[in-house]
Amino acid sequence: MAAGFTPVQAIRIATLNGAIYLGRETQIGSIAAGKNADLLVVKGDPATRIADIENVELVFKDGPGYSPKLLLESVRGRYGEYCKPSPQRCRMPQRTSSPI
């Protein structure tokens, strides 16, 4: 990988580390009993071949499963519209606590 991370490290950075940054690691960021979980089912093994993360077969959001193709079609032409016209609205929230 370009930044020198292993596939597993990259997945952790995108999931658990993001939750830690937001101070929400007890609610999101990993799969565990009692946590909220939105999941992607992928074809392949992104832990060994990170490009497989793009082979999304199914998306679970707030419980039900969705077709990734239908989700993308539903927002076609609207990517990023929620950040316009003011880029300031898209900034990350300020941290309220520091990670361990």
C-alpha atoms as a PDB file:
ATOM      1  CA  MET A   1       0.000   0.000   0.000  1.00  0.00           C
ATOM      2  CA  ALA A   2       1.211   3.499  -0.826  1.00  0.00           C
ATOM      3  CA  ALA A   3       1.501   4.710   2.800  1.00  0.00           C
ATOM      4  CA  GLY A   4       3.214   1.519   3.953  1.00  0.00           C
ATOM      5  CA  PHE A   5       0.263   0.112   5.907  1.00  0.00           C
ATOM      6  CA  THR A   6      -0.794  -3.523   5.713  1.00  0.00           C
ATOM      7  CA  PRO A   7      -4.373  -4.166   4.561  1.00  0.00           C
ATOM      8  CA  VAL A   8      -5.422  -4.978   8.147  1.00  0.00           C
ATOM      9  CA  GLN A   9      -3.868  -1.736   9.425  1.00  0.00           C
ATOM     10  CA  ALA A  10      -5.669   0.258   6.713  1.00  0.00           C
ATOM     11  CA  ILE A  11      -9.021  -1.338   7.639  1.00  0.00           C
ATOM     12  CA  ARG A  12      -8.437  -0.533  11.306  1.00  0.00           C
ATOM     13  CA  ILE A  13      -7.530   3.074  10.474  1.00  0.00           C
ATOM     14  CA  ALA A  14     -10.759   3.435   8.500  1.00  0.00           C
ATOM     15  CA  THR A  15     -12.957   1.876  11.199  1.00  0.00           C
ATOM     16  CA  LEU A  16     -11.819   1.637  14.828  1.00  0.00           C
ATOM     17  CA  ASN A  17      -9.285   4.475  14.689  1.00  0.00           C
ATOM     18  CA  GLY A  18     -11.948   6.760  13.223  1.00  0.00           C
ATOM     19  CA  ALA A  19     -14.316   5.862  16.058  1.00  0.00           C
ATOM     20  CA  ILE A  20     -11.555   6.511  18.615  1.00  0.00           C
ATOM     21  CA  TYR A  21     -10.884   9.905  17.044  1.00  0.00           C
ATOM     22  CA  LEU A  22     -14.583  10.767  17.377  1.00  0.00           C
ATOM     23  CA  GLY A  23     -14.663   9.463  20.959  1.00  0.00           C
ATOM     24  CA  ARG A  24     -17.262   6.837  20.012  1.00  0.00           C
ATOM     25  CA  GLU A  25     -15.235   3.604  20.186  1.00  0.00           C
ATOM     26  CA  THR A  26     -17.621   2.119  22.775  1.00  0.00           C
ATOM     27  CA  GLN A  27     -20.496   2.462  20.268  1.00  0.00           C
ATOM     28  CA  ILE A  28     -18.953   2.033  16.794  1.00  0.00           C
ATOM     29  CA  GLY A  29     -15.757   1.116  14.972  1.00  0.00           C
ATOM     30  CA  SER A  30     -15.618  -2.631  15.554  1.00  0.00           C
ATOM     31  CA  ILE A  31     -17.946  -5.599  15.729  1.00  0.00           C
ATOM     32  CA  ALA A  32     -18.905  -6.459  19.310  1.00  0.00           C
ATOM     33  CA  ALA A  33     -22.028  -7.206  21.326  1.00  0.00           C
ATOM     34  CA  GLY A  34     -23.894  -4.014  22.187  1.00  0.00           C
ATOM     35  CA  LYS A  35     -22.249  -1.856  19.500  1.00  0.00           C
ATOM     36  CA  ASN A  36     -24.025  -0.286  16.539  1.00  0.00           C
ATOM     37  CA  ALA A  37     -22.789  -1.840  13.337  1.00  0.00           C
ATOM     38  CA  ASP A  38     -23.188  -0.964   9.685  1.00  0.00           C
ATOM     39  CA  LEU A  39     -21.486  -3.676   7.652  1.00  0.00           C
ATOM     40  CA  LEU A  40     -20.220  -4.337   4.140  1.00  0.00           C
ATOM     41  CA  VAL A  41     -20.173  -7.859   2.758  1.00  0.00           C
ATOM     42  CA  VAL A  42     -17.392  -8.093   0.200  1.00  0.00           C
ATOM     43  CA  LYS A  43     -16.326 -10.727  -2.280  1.00  0.00           C
ATOM     44  CA  GLY A  44     -12.721 -11.615  -1.527  1.00  0.00           C
ATOM     45  CA  ASP A  45     -10.447 -11.037   1.440  1.00  0.00           C
ATOM     46  CA  PRO A  46      -9.511  -7.400   2.022  1.00  0.00           C
ATOM     47  CA  ALA A  47      -7.290  -8.471   4.944  1.00  0.00           C
ATOM     48  CA  THR A  48      -4.874  -9.951   2.404  1.00  0.00           C
ATOM     49  CA  ARG A  49      -5.777  -8.002  -0.755  1.00  0.00           C
ATOM     50  CA  ILE A  50      -7.016  -4.480   0.072  1.00  0.00           C
ATOM     51  CA  ALA A  51      -8.428  -3.979  -3.448  1.00  0.00           C
ATOM     52  CA  ASP A  52     -11.127  -6.524  -2.528  1.00  0.00           C
ATOM     53  CA  ILE A  53     -12.711  -3.846  -0.316  1.00  0.00           C
ATOM     54  CA  GLU A  54     -14.226  -2.479  -3.548  1.00  0.00           C
ATOM     55  CA  ASN A  55     -16.043  -5.753  -4.297  1.00  0.00           C
ATOM     56  CA  VAL A  56     -19.092  -4.847  -2.209  1.00  0.00           C
ATOM     57  CA  GLU A  57     -21.865  -7.417  -2.491  1.00  0.00           C
ATOM     58  CA  LEU A  58     -24.226  -6.140   0.231  1.00  0.00           C
ATOM     59  CA  VAL A  59     -24.500  -3.151   2.590  1.00  0.00           C
ATOM     60  CA  PHE A  60     -26.178  -3.412   6.006  1.00  0.00           C
ATOM     61  CA  LYS A  61     -27.250   0.005   7.333  1.00  0.00           C
ATOM     62  CA  ASP A  62     -29.345   0.348  10.499  1.00  0.00           C
ATOM     63  CA  GLY A  63     -30.412  -3.296  10.207  1.00  0.00           C
ATOM     64  CA  PRO A  64     -31.606  -4.122   6.670  1.00  0.00           C
ATOM     65  CA  GLY A  65     -29.358  -5.117   3.789  1.00  0.00           C
ATOM     66  CA  TYR A  66     -29.132  -3.062   0.595  1.00  0.00           C
ATOM     67  CA  SER A  67     -27.776  -3.559  -2.902  1.00  0.00           C
ATOM     68  CA  PRO A  68     -24.684  -1.352  -3.369  1.00  0.00           C
ATOM     69  CA  LYS A  69     -25.638  -0.831  -7.015  1.00  0.00           C
ATOM     70  CA  LEU A  70     -29.078   0.505  -6.086  1.00  0.00           C
ATOM     71  CA  LEU A  71     -27.600   2.728  -3.346  1.00  0.00           C
ATOM     72  CA  LEU A  72     -25.159   4.316  -5.789  1.00  0.00           C
ATOM     73  CA  GLU A  73     -27.896   4.810  -8.390  1.00  0.00           C
ATOM     74  CA  SER A  74     -30.069   6.551  -5.785  1.00  0.00           C
ATOM     75  CA  VAL A  75     -27.438   9.287  -5.227  1.00  0.00           C
ATOM     76  CA  ARG A  76     -26.014   9.538  -8.742  1.00  0.00           C
ATOM     77  CA  GLY A  77     -25.209  13.170  -9.546  1.00  0.00           C
ATOM     78  CA  ARG A  78     -25.589  14.231  -5.918  1.00  0.00           C
ATOM     79  CA  TYR A  79     -22.222  13.162  -4.458  1.00  0.00           C
ATOM     80  CA  GLY A  80     -20.974  15.868  -2.121  1.00  0.00           C
ATOM     81  CA  GLU A  81     -24.059  18.056  -2.436  1.00  0.00           C
ATOM     82  CA  TYR A  82     -24.406  18.200   1.333  1.00  0.00           C
ATOM     83  CA  CYS A  83     -21.078  20.044   1.560  1.00  0.00           C
ATOM     84  CA  LYS A  84     -22.026  22.836  -0.834  1.00  0.00           C
ATOM     85  CA  PRO A  85     -21.788  25.776  -1.021  1.00  0.00           C
ATOM     86  CA  SER A  86     -19.802  26.083   2.203  1.00  0.00           C
ATOM     87  CA  PRO A  87     -16.817  23.707   2.652  1.00  0.00           C
ATOM     88  CA  GLN A  88     -16.758  24.692   6.345  1.00  0.00           C
ATOM     89  CA  ARG A  89     -19.899  22.591   6.858  1.00  0.00           C
ATOM     90  CA  CYS A  90     -17.916  19.453   5.964  1.00  0.00           C
ATOM     91  CA  ARG A  91     -15.133  19.801   8.526  1.00  0.00           C
ATOM     92  CA  MET A  92     -14.562  17.116  11.128  1.00  0.00           C
ATOM     93  CA  PRO A  93     -15.969  17.886  14.581  1.00  0.00           C
ATOM     94  CA  GLN A  94     -13.516  18.958  17.262  1.00  0.00           C
ATOM     95  CA  ARG A  95     -12.383  16.216  19.632  1.00  0.00           C
ATOM     96  CA  THR A  96     -13.754  16.372  23.127  1.00  0.00           C
ATOM     97  CA  SER A  97     -11.495  13.696  24.605  1.00  0.00           C
ATOM     98  CA  SER A  98      -8.174  12.097  23.784  1.00  0.00           C
ATOM     99  CA  PRO A  99      -7.689   8.423  22.878  1.00  0.00           C
ATOM    100  CA  ILE A 100      -5.934   6.030  25.211  1.00  0.00           C
END
